[in-house]
Amino acid sequence: MRVVIATNEPVRLSFLRALLEDAGIAAVLLDRHASTMDGSIGAVRCRIAVPEEDAPRALRLLAAAGEL
């Protein structure tokens, strides 16, 4: 798995996962609970990871959407 983006914005996380999954790329959300536990200070960002073989395509897709 390779992390392609990290953010604490819940709406953006949802959009990015949907964007990747609609393109047939399995997207896994990491650190959601750790991010929630730290409260609103933002010390731990949620990360989206994809399979290593899909990472180049995922990064191109995110760049084309203006999300990188």
C-alpha atoms as a PDB file:
ATOM      1  CA  MET A   1       0.000   0.000   0.000  1.00  0.00           C
ATOM      2  CA  ARG A   2       1.136   3.522  -0.731  1.00  0.00           C
ATOM      3  CA  VAL A   3      -0.210   6.718   0.807  1.00  0.00           C
ATOM      4  CA  VAL A   4      -1.322   9.136  -1.902  1.00  0.00           C
ATOM      5  CA  ILE A   5      -2.813  11.954   0.171  1.00  0.00           C
ATOM      6  CA  ALA A   6      -3.301  13.080   3.778  1.00  0.00           C
ATOM      7  CA  THR A   7      -5.861  15.542   5.115  1.00  0.00           C
ATOM      8  CA  ASN A   8      -8.201  16.091   8.045  1.00  0.00           C
ATOM      9  CA  GLU A   9     -11.070  17.478   5.988  1.00  0.00           C
ATOM     10  CA  PRO A  10     -13.860  14.859   6.210  1.00  0.00           C
ATOM     11  CA  VAL A  11     -15.732  16.000   3.102  1.00  0.00           C
ATOM     12  CA  ARG A  12     -12.523  16.005   1.050  1.00  0.00           C
ATOM     13  CA  LEU A  13     -11.633  12.523   2.332  1.00  0.00           C
ATOM     14  CA  SER A  14     -15.021  11.224   1.261  1.00  0.00           C
ATOM     15  CA  PHE A  15     -14.746  12.876  -2.166  1.00  0.00           C
ATOM     16  CA  LEU A  16     -11.215  11.563  -2.780  1.00  0.00           C
ATOM     17  CA  ARG A  17     -12.106   8.007  -1.803  1.00  0.00           C
ATOM     18  CA  ALA A  18     -15.158   8.102  -4.074  1.00  0.00           C
ATOM     19  CA  LEU A  19     -13.058   9.520  -6.920  1.00  0.00           C
ATOM     20  CA  LEU A  20     -10.491   6.737  -6.587  1.00  0.00           C
ATOM     21  CA  GLU A  21     -13.031   3.961  -6.122  1.00  0.00           C
ATOM     22  CA  ASP A  22     -15.079   5.146  -9.109  1.00  0.00           C
ATOM     23  CA  ALA A  23     -11.890   4.708 -11.160  1.00  0.00           C
ATOM     24  CA  GLY A  24     -11.585   1.123  -9.907  1.00  0.00           C
ATOM     25  CA  ILE A  25      -8.799   1.860  -7.426  1.00  0.00           C
ATOM     26  CA  ALA A  26      -9.208   0.344  -3.962  1.00  0.00           C
ATOM     27  CA  ALA A  27      -8.718   3.191  -1.471  1.00  0.00           C
ATOM     28  CA  VAL A  28      -8.142   2.554   2.230  1.00  0.00           C
ATOM     29  CA  LEU A  29      -8.590   5.236   4.875  1.00  0.00           C
ATOM     30  CA  LEU A  30      -5.869   5.139   7.538  1.00  0.00           C
ATOM     31  CA  ASP A  31      -5.635   6.869  10.932  1.00  0.00           C
ATOM     32  CA  ARG A  32      -9.291   7.873  11.140  1.00  0.00           C
ATOM     33  CA  HIS A  33      -9.612   6.864  14.795  1.00  0.00           C
ATOM     34  CA  ALA A  34      -6.251   8.355  15.808  1.00  0.00           C
ATOM     35  CA  SER A  35      -7.229  11.605  14.119  1.00  0.00           C
ATOM     36  CA  THR A  36     -10.559  11.650  15.948  1.00  0.00           C
ATOM     37  CA  MET A  37      -8.924  10.943  19.303  1.00  0.00           C
ATOM     38  CA  ASP A  38      -6.587  13.955  19.085  1.00  0.00           C
ATOM     39  CA  GLY A  39      -9.570  16.293  18.977  1.00  0.00           C
ATOM     40  CA  SER A  40      -9.443  19.348  16.790  1.00  0.00           C
ATOM     41  CA  ILE A  41      -5.709  20.093  17.023  1.00  0.00           C
ATOM     42  CA  GLY A  42      -4.958  18.238  13.781  1.00  0.00           C
ATOM     43  CA  ALA A  43      -1.813  16.486  15.015  1.00  0.00           C
ATOM     44  CA  VAL A  44      -2.678  13.256  13.189  1.00  0.00           C
ATOM     45  CA  ARG A  45      -3.947  13.515   9.630  1.00  0.00           C
ATOM     46  CA  CYS A  46      -6.056  10.845   7.978  1.00  0.00           C
ATOM     47  CA  ARG A  47      -4.331   9.203   5.037  1.00  0.00           C
ATOM     48  CA  ILE A  48      -5.652   7.510   1.926  1.00  0.00           C
ATOM     49  CA  ALA A  49      -3.603   4.566   0.693  1.00  0.00           C
ATOM     50  CA  VAL A  50      -3.921   2.562  -2.508  1.00  0.00           C
ATOM     51  CA  PRO A  51      -2.264  -0.647  -3.723  1.00  0.00           C
ATOM     52  CA  GLU A  52       1.303  -0.007  -4.867  1.00  0.00           C
ATOM     53  CA  GLU A  53       0.535  -0.999  -8.465  1.00  0.00           C
ATOM     54  CA  ASP A  54      -2.336   1.524  -8.626  1.00  0.00           C
ATOM     55  CA  ALA A  55      -0.406   4.416  -7.062  1.00  0.00           C
ATOM     56  CA  PRO A  56       0.838   6.051 -10.310  1.00  0.00           C
ATOM     57  CA  ARG A  57      -2.683   6.013 -11.788  1.00  0.00           C
ATOM     58  CA  ALA A  58      -4.175   7.281  -8.512  1.00  0.00           C
ATOM     59  CA  LEU A  59      -1.703  10.170  -8.368  1.00  0.00           C
ATOM     60  CA  ARG A  60      -2.470  11.113 -11.992  1.00  0.00           C
ATOM     61  CA  LEU A  61      -6.197  11.023 -11.234  1.00  0.00           C
ATOM     62  CA  LEU A  62      -5.817  13.190  -8.126  1.00  0.00           C
ATOM     63  CA  ALA A  63      -3.597  15.651 -10.010  1.00  0.00           C
ATOM     64  CA  ALA A  64      -6.125  15.877 -12.868  1.00  0.00           C
ATOM     65  CA  ALA A  65      -8.837  16.644 -10.302  1.00  0.00           C
ATOM     66  CA  GLY A  66      -6.677  19.418  -8.815  1.00  0.00           C
ATOM     67  CA  GLU A  67      -6.351  17.615  -5.491  1.00  0.00           C
ATOM     68  CA  LEU A  68      -2.566  17.312  -5.162  1.00  0.00           C
END
